Amino acid sequence: MIHAELIETLERLPQEKQAEVLDFARFLAQRRQDDNDEPKPLGECSFAKWVNTPLVVNDFQPMSREDANAR
């Protein structure tokens, strides 16, 4: 699509629809940028950081399957 056609089409839309189109275009641009980024090594991903530093709750006792089902 050429720029002039895009601008002409946008000008026919109400302001709130123009804002939606702009928001969607920004979303697509961000997604494309994210796709072009090099993937992080597995050890640097957010899940790996969480696994390496788990949340500690003092005196935590996990429930058995039977206890959980009884509730």
PDB file of N, CA and C in Angstrom:
ATOM      1  N   MET A   1       0.862  -1.174   0.000  1.00  0.00           N
ATOM      2  CA  MET A   1       0.000   0.000   0.000  1.00  0.00           C
ATOM      3  C   MET A   1       0.903   1.229   0.000  1.00  0.00           C
ATOM      4  N   ILE A   2       0.567   2.190  -0.814  1.00  0.00           N
ATOM      5  CA  ILE A   2       1.375   3.400  -0.867  1.00  0.00           C
ATOM      6  C   ILE A   2       0.942   4.358   0.236  1.00  0.00           C
ATOM      7  N   HIS A   3       1.831   5.246   0.611  1.00  0.00           N
ATOM      8  CA  HIS A   3       1.590   6.164   1.726  1.00  0.00           C
ATOM      9  C   HIS A   3       0.381   7.065   1.487  1.00  0.00           C
ATOM     10  N   ALA A   4       0.235   7.564   0.282  1.00  0.00           N
ATOM     11  CA  ALA A   4      -0.877   8.478  -0.011  1.00  0.00           C
ATOM     12  C   ALA A   4      -2.226   7.776   0.196  1.00  0.00           C
ATOM     13  N   GLU A   5      -2.325   6.534  -0.228  1.00  0.00           N
ATOM     14  CA  GLU A   5      -3.568   5.784  -0.062  1.00  0.00           C
ATOM     15  C   GLU A   5      -3.862   5.543   1.416  1.00  0.00           C
ATOM     16  N   LEU A   6      -2.817   5.243   2.174  1.00  0.00           N
ATOM     17  CA  LEU A   6      -2.981   5.028   3.607  1.00  0.00           C
ATOM     18  C   LEU A   6      -3.458   6.305   4.301  1.00  0.00           C
ATOM     19  N   ILE A   7      -2.826   7.418   3.993  1.00  0.00           N
ATOM     20  CA  ILE A   7      -3.198   8.695   4.605  1.00  0.00           C
ATOM     21  C   ILE A   7      -4.624   9.078   4.208  1.00  0.00           C
ATOM     22  N   GLU A   8      -4.965   8.884   2.958  1.00  0.00           N
ATOM     23  CA  GLU A   8      -6.314   9.209   2.489  1.00  0.00           C
ATOM     24  C   GLU A   8      -7.359   8.366   3.221  1.00  0.00           C
ATOM     25  N   THR A   9      -7.073   7.096   3.409  1.00  0.00           N
ATOM     26  CA  THR A   9      -7.999   6.210   4.109  1.00  0.00           C
ATOM     27  C   THR A   9      -8.117   6.610   5.573  1.00  0.00           C
ATOM     28  N   LEU A  10      -7.006   6.930   6.200  1.00  0.00           N
ATOM     29  CA  LEU A  10      -7.033   7.346   7.595  1.00  0.00           C
ATOM     30  C   LEU A  10      -7.826   8.631   7.809  1.00  0.00           C
ATOM     31  N   GLU A  11      -7.713   9.550   6.880  1.00  0.00           N
ATOM     32  CA  GLU A  11      -8.415  10.831   7.011  1.00  0.00           C
ATOM     33  C   GLU A  11      -9.929  10.660   6.964  1.00  0.00           C
ATOM     34  N   ARG A  12     -10.404   9.565   6.360  1.00  0.00           N
ATOM     35  CA  ARG A  12     -11.841   9.316   6.300  1.00  0.00           C
ATOM     36  C   ARG A  12     -12.378   8.706   7.595  1.00  0.00           C
ATOM     37  N   LEU A  13     -11.495   8.277   8.465  1.00  0.00           N
ATOM     38  CA  LEU A  13     -11.915   7.652   9.717  1.00  0.00           C
ATOM     39  C   LEU A  13     -12.102   8.700  10.810  1.00  0.00           C
ATOM     40  N   PRO A  14     -12.992   8.408  11.777  1.00  0.00           N
ATOM     41  CA  PRO A  14     -13.110   9.303  12.929  1.00  0.00           C
ATOM     42  C   PRO A  14     -11.850   9.232  13.793  1.00  0.00           C
ATOM     43  N   GLN A  15     -11.667  10.226  14.644  1.00  0.00           N
ATOM     44  CA  GLN A  15     -10.456  10.341  15.473  1.00  0.00           C
ATOM     45  C   GLN A  15     -10.177   9.075  16.275  1.00  0.00           C
ATOM     46  N   GLU A  16     -11.225   8.508  16.914  1.00  0.00           N
ATOM     47  CA  GLU A  16     -10.987   7.335  17.766  1.00  0.00           C
ATOM     48  C   GLU A  16     -10.529   6.135  16.944  1.00  0.00           C
ATOM     49  N   LYS A  17     -11.010   6.008  15.709  1.00  0.00           N
ATOM     50  CA  LYS A  17     -10.570   4.910  14.842  1.00  0.00           C
ATOM     51  C   LYS A  17      -9.151   5.155  14.337  1.00  0.00           C
ATOM     52  N   GLN A  18      -8.811   6.418  14.096  1.00  0.00           N
ATOM     53  CA  GLN A  18      -7.440   6.739  13.713  1.00  0.00           C
ATOM     54  C   GLN A  18      -6.472   6.348  14.831  1.00  0.00           C
ATOM     55  N   ALA A  19      -6.888   6.605  16.074  1.00  0.00           N
ATOM     56  CA  ALA A  19      -6.050   6.243  17.216  1.00  0.00           C
ATOM     57  C   ALA A  19      -5.878   4.734  17.308  1.00  0.00           C
ATOM     58  N   GLU A  20      -6.952   3.983  17.012  1.00  0.00           N
ATOM     59  CA  GLU A  20      -6.856   2.523  17.022  1.00  0.00           C
ATOM     60  C   GLU A  20      -5.878   2.023  15.965  1.00  0.00           C
ATOM     61  N   VAL A  21      -5.953   2.622  14.778  1.00  0.00           N
ATOM     62  CA  VAL A  21      -5.044   2.227  13.697  1.00  0.00           C
ATOM     63  C   VAL A  21      -3.600   2.525  14.087  1.00  0.00           C
ATOM     64  N   LEU A  22      -3.362   3.678  14.681  1.00  0.00           N
ATOM     65  CA  LEU A  22      -2.013   4.041  15.105  1.00  0.00           C
ATOM     66  C   LEU A  22      -1.512   3.081  16.180  1.00  0.00           C
ATOM     67  N   ASP A  23      -2.366   2.752  17.134  1.00  0.00           N
ATOM     68  CA  ASP A  23      -1.994   1.819  18.188  1.00  0.00           C
ATOM     69  C   ASP A  23      -1.641   0.455  17.599  1.00  0.00           C
ATOM     70  N   PHE A  24      -2.448  -0.018  16.643  1.00  0.00           N
ATOM     71  CA  PHE A  24      -2.192  -1.303  16.014  1.00  0.00           C
ATOM     72  C   PHE A  24      -0.891  -1.272  15.212  1.00  0.00           C
ATOM     73  N   ALA A  25      -0.635  -0.179  14.504  1.00  0.00           N
ATOM     74  CA  ALA A  25       0.596  -0.065  13.730  1.00  0.00           C
ATOM     75  C   ALA A  25       1.818  -0.084  14.652  1.00  0.00           C
ATOM     76  N   ARG A  26       1.714   0.589  15.801  1.00  0.00           N
ATOM     77  CA  ARG A  26       2.815   0.556  16.769  1.00  0.00           C
ATOM     78  C   ARG A  26       3.025  -0.856  17.315  1.00  0.00           C
ATOM     79  N   PHE A  27       1.913  -1.573  17.569  1.00  0.00           N
ATOM     80  CA  PHE A  27       2.002  -2.954  18.025  1.00  0.00           C
ATOM     81  C   PHE A  27       2.733  -3.816  16.992  1.00  0.00           C
ATOM     82  N   LEU A  28       2.363  -3.691  15.731  1.00  0.00           N
ATOM     83  CA  LEU A  28       3.004  -4.474  14.685  1.00  0.00           C
ATOM     84  C   LEU A  28       4.490  -4.142  14.568  1.00  0.00           C
ATOM     85  N   ALA A  29       4.831  -2.866  14.679  1.00  0.00           N
ATOM     86  CA  ALA A  29       6.234  -2.464  14.599  1.00  0.00           C
ATOM     87  C   ALA A  29       7.024  -3.029  15.771  1.00  0.00           C
ATOM     88  N   GLN A  30       6.435  -3.007  16.968  1.00  0.00           N
ATOM     89  CA  GLN A  30       7.116  -3.552  18.144  1.00  0.00           C
ATOM     90  C   GLN A  30       7.302  -5.058  18.002  1.00  0.00           C
ATOM     91  N   ARG A  31       6.270  -5.745  17.519  1.00  0.00           N
ATOM     92  CA  ARG A  31       6.373  -7.195  17.350  1.00  0.00           C
ATOM     93  C   ARG A  31       7.444  -7.543  16.330  1.00  0.00           C
ATOM     94  N   ARG A  32       7.536  -6.763  15.274  1.00  0.00           N
ATOM     95  CA  ARG A  32       8.565  -7.022  14.257  1.00  0.00           C
ATOM     96  C   ARG A  32       9.949  -6.790  14.845  1.00  0.00           C
ATOM     97  N   GLN A  33      10.088  -5.732  15.645  1.00  0.00           N
ATOM     98  CA  GLN A  33      11.374  -5.456  16.282  1.00  0.00           C
ATOM     99  C   GLN A  33      11.741  -6.597  17.228  1.00  0.00           C
ATOM    100  N   ASP A  34      10.754  -7.095  17.989  1.00  0.00           N
ATOM    101  CA  ASP A  34      11.007  -8.204  18.901  1.00  0.00           C
ATOM    102  C   ASP A  34      11.424  -9.458  18.140  1.00  0.00           C
ATOM    103  N   ASP A  35      10.822  -9.694  16.966  1.00  0.00           N
ATOM    104  CA  ASP A  35      11.164 -10.861  16.154  1.00  0.00           C
ATOM    105  C   ASP A  35      12.583 -10.763  15.619  1.00  0.00           C
ATOM    106  N   ASN A  36      13.052  -9.528  15.391  1.00  0.00           N
ATOM    107  CA  ASN A  36      14.389  -9.336  14.836  1.00  0.00           C
ATOM    108  C   ASN A  36      15.483  -9.366  15.896  1.00  0.00           C
ATOM    109  N   ASP A  37      15.102  -9.211  17.164  1.00  0.00           N
ATOM    110  CA  ASP A  37      16.089  -9.251  18.234  1.00  0.00           C
ATOM    111  C   ASP A  37      16.669 -10.656  18.345  1.00  0.00           C
ATOM    112  N   GLU A  38      17.944 -10.712  18.682  1.00  0.00           N
ATOM    113  CA  GLU A  38      18.564 -12.014  18.872  1.00  0.00           C
ATOM    114  C   GLU A  38      18.008 -12.641  20.142  1.00  0.00           C
ATOM    115  N   PRO A  39      17.713 -13.931  20.093  1.00  0.00           N
ATOM    116  CA  PRO A  39      17.198 -14.572  21.306  1.00  0.00           C
ATOM    117  C   PRO A  39      18.261 -14.605  22.391  1.00  0.00           C
ATOM    118  N   LYS A  40      17.800 -14.471  23.637  1.00  0.00           N
ATOM    119  CA  LYS A  40      18.719 -14.519  24.769  1.00  0.00           C
ATOM    120  C   LYS A  40      19.106 -15.964  25.029  1.00  0.00           C
ATOM    121  N   PRO A  41      20.296 -16.170  25.533  1.00  0.00           N
ATOM    122  CA  PRO A  41      20.650 -17.528  25.941  1.00  0.00           C
ATOM    123  C   PRO A  41      19.683 -17.992  27.023  1.00  0.00           C
ATOM    124  N   LEU A  42      19.442 -19.283  27.084  1.00  0.00           N
ATOM    125  CA  LEU A  42      18.458 -19.824  28.004  1.00  0.00           C
ATOM    126  C   LEU A  42      18.742 -19.438  29.447  1.00  0.00           C
ATOM    127  N   GLY A  43      19.995 -19.350  29.828  1.00  0.00           N
ATOM    128  CA  GLY A  43      20.353 -19.005  31.197  1.00  0.00           C
ATOM    129  C   GLY A  43      20.047 -17.565  31.562  1.00  0.00           C
ATOM    130  N   GLU A  44      19.768 -16.704  30.580  1.00  0.00           N
ATOM    131  CA  GLU A  44      19.485 -15.297  30.840  1.00  0.00           C
ATOM    132  C   GLU A  44      17.993 -14.965  30.746  1.00  0.00           C
ATOM    133  N   CYS A  45      17.170 -15.938  30.393  1.00  0.00           N
ATOM    134  CA  CYS A  45      15.748 -15.645  30.262  1.00  0.00           C
ATOM    135  C   CYS A  45      15.132 -15.445  31.644  1.00  0.00           C
ATOM    136  N   SER A  46      13.977 -14.804  31.685  1.00  0.00           N
ATOM    137  CA  SER A  46      13.358 -14.477  32.970  1.00  0.00           C
ATOM    138  C   SER A  46      12.976 -15.730  33.743  1.00  0.00           C
ATOM    139  N   PHE A  47      12.573 -16.788  33.068  1.00  0.00           N
ATOM    140  CA  PHE A  47      12.218 -18.020  33.767  1.00  0.00           C
ATOM    141  C   PHE A  47      13.443 -18.628  34.450  1.00  0.00           C
ATOM    142  N   ALA A  48      14.590 -18.589  33.778  1.00  0.00           N
ATOM    143  CA  ALA A  48      15.809 -19.137  34.377  1.00  0.00           C
ATOM    144  C   ALA A  48      16.205 -18.339  35.612  1.00  0.00           C
ATOM    145  N   LYS A  49      16.030 -17.028  35.570  1.00  0.00           N
ATOM    146  CA  LYS A  49      16.340 -16.207  36.745  1.00  0.00           C
ATOM    147  C   LYS A  49      15.431 -16.582  37.908  1.00  0.00           C
ATOM    148  N   TRP A  50      14.150 -16.845  37.618  1.00  0.00           N
ATOM    149  CA  TRP A  50      13.216 -17.239  38.665  1.00  0.00           C
ATOM    150  C   TRP A  50      13.591 -18.599  39.241  1.00  0.00           C
ATOM    151  N   VAL A  51      13.983 -19.533  38.388  1.00  0.00           N
ATOM    152  CA  VAL A  51      14.361 -20.869  38.857  1.00  0.00           C
ATOM    153  C   VAL A  51      15.620 -20.792  39.712  1.00  0.00           C
ATOM    154  N   ASN A  52      16.549 -19.939  39.337  1.00  0.00           N
ATOM    155  CA  ASN A  52      17.805 -19.823  40.077  1.00  0.00           C
ATOM    156  C   ASN A  52      17.645 -19.112  41.412  1.00  0.00           C
ATOM    157  N   THR A  53      16.623 -18.280  41.544  1.00  0.00           N
ATOM    158  CA  THR A  53      16.378 -17.575  42.806  1.00  0.00           C
ATOM    159  C   THR A  53      14.910 -17.736  43.182  1.00  0.00           C
ATOM    160  N   PRO A  54      14.527 -18.928  43.634  1.00  0.00           N
ATOM    161  CA  PRO A  54      13.117 -19.157  43.940  1.00  0.00           C
ATOM    162  C   PRO A  54      12.663 -18.386  45.168  1.00  0.00           C
ATOM    163  N   LEU A  55      11.381 -18.172  45.247  1.00  0.00           N
ATOM    164  CA  LEU A  55      10.775 -17.493  46.375  1.00  0.00           C
ATOM    165  C   LEU A  55      10.815 -18.417  47.585  1.00  0.00           C
ATOM    166  N   VAL A  56      11.270 -17.906  48.711  1.00  0.00           N
ATOM    167  CA  VAL A  56      11.358 -18.707  49.922  1.00  0.00           C
ATOM    168  C   VAL A  56      10.323 -18.196  50.917  1.00  0.00           C
ATOM    169  N   VAL A  57       9.498 -19.118  51.412  1.00  0.00           N
ATOM    170  CA  VAL A  57       8.498 -18.782  52.421  1.00  0.00           C
ATOM    171  C   VAL A  57       8.842 -19.607  53.653  1.00  0.00           C
ATOM    172  N   ASN A  58       9.139 -18.920  54.749  1.00  0.00           N
ATOM    173  CA  ASN A  58       9.508 -19.614  55.977  1.00  0.00           C
ATOM    174  C   ASN A  58       8.354 -20.472  56.479  1.00  0.00           C
ATOM    175  N   ASP A  59       8.673 -21.634  56.993  1.00  0.00           N
ATOM    176  CA  ASP A  59       7.715 -22.574  57.578  1.00  0.00           C
ATOM    177  C   ASP A  59       6.619 -23.010  56.609  1.00  0.00           C
ATOM    178  N   PHE A  60       6.921 -23.053  55.336  1.00  0.00           N
ATOM    179  CA  PHE A  60       5.936 -23.487  54.339  1.00  0.00           C
ATOM    180  C   PHE A  60       5.881 -25.004  54.307  1.00  0.00           C
ATOM    181  N   GLN A  61       4.684 -25.549  54.391  1.00  0.00           N
ATOM    182  CA  GLN A  61       4.472 -26.987  54.304  1.00  0.00           C
ATOM    183  C   GLN A  61       3.521 -27.249  53.135  1.00  0.00           C
ATOM    184  N   PRO A  62       4.007 -27.863  52.075  1.00  0.00           N
ATOM    185  CA  PRO A  62       3.098 -28.137  50.960  1.00  0.00           C
ATOM    186  C   PRO A  62       2.025 -29.136  51.374  1.00  0.00           C
ATOM    187  N   MET A  63       0.836 -28.973  50.803  1.00  0.00           N
ATOM    188  CA  MET A  63      -0.263 -29.876  51.110  1.00  0.00           C
ATOM    189  C   MET A  63      -0.135 -31.137  50.271  1.00  0.00           C
ATOM    190  N   SER A  64      -0.598 -32.229  50.836  1.00  0.00           N
ATOM    191  CA  SER A  64      -0.642 -33.460  50.056  1.00  0.00           C
ATOM    192  C   SER A  64      -1.809 -33.382  49.092  1.00  0.00           C
ATOM    193  N   ARG A  65      -1.827 -34.243  48.130  1.00  0.00           N
ATOM    194  CA  ARG A  65      -2.929 -34.283  47.166  1.00  0.00           C
ATOM    195  C   ARG A  65      -4.247 -34.550  47.882  1.00  0.00           C
ATOM    196  N   GLU A  66      -4.220 -35.434  48.875  1.00  0.00           N
ATOM    197  CA  GLU A  66      -5.435 -35.760  49.616  1.00  0.00           C
ATOM    198  C   GLU A  66      -5.947 -34.533  50.382  1.00  0.00           C
ATOM    199  N   ASP A  67      -5.039 -33.791  51.026  1.00  0.00           N
ATOM    200  CA  ASP A  67      -5.451 -32.592  51.766  1.00  0.00           C
ATOM    201  C   ASP A  67      -6.050 -31.543  50.813  1.00  0.00           C
ATOM    202  N   ALA A  68      -5.419 -31.385  49.671  1.00  0.00           N
ATOM    203  CA  ALA A  68      -5.908 -30.400  48.708  1.00  0.00           C
ATOM    204  C   ALA A  68      -7.289 -30.789  48.178  1.00  0.00           C
ATOM    205  N   ASN A  69      -7.474 -32.070  47.905  1.00  0.00           N
ATOM    206  CA  ASN A  69      -8.773 -32.526  47.390  1.00  0.00           C
ATOM    207  C   ASN A  69      -9.855 -32.451  48.449  1.00  0.00           C
ATOM    208  N   ALA A  70      -9.473 -32.593  49.720  1.00  0.00           N
ATOM    209  CA  ALA A  70     -10.449 -32.531  50.804  1.00  0.00           C
ATOM    210  C   ALA A  70     -10.999 -31.124  50.992  1.00  0.00           C
ATOM    211  N   ARG A  71     -10.234 -30.118  50.578  1.00  0.00           N
ATOM    212  CA  ARG A  71     -10.691 -28.735  50.727  1.00  0.00           C
ATOM    213  C   ARG A  71     -11.602 -28.421  49.604  1.00  0.00           C
TER     214      ARG A  71
END
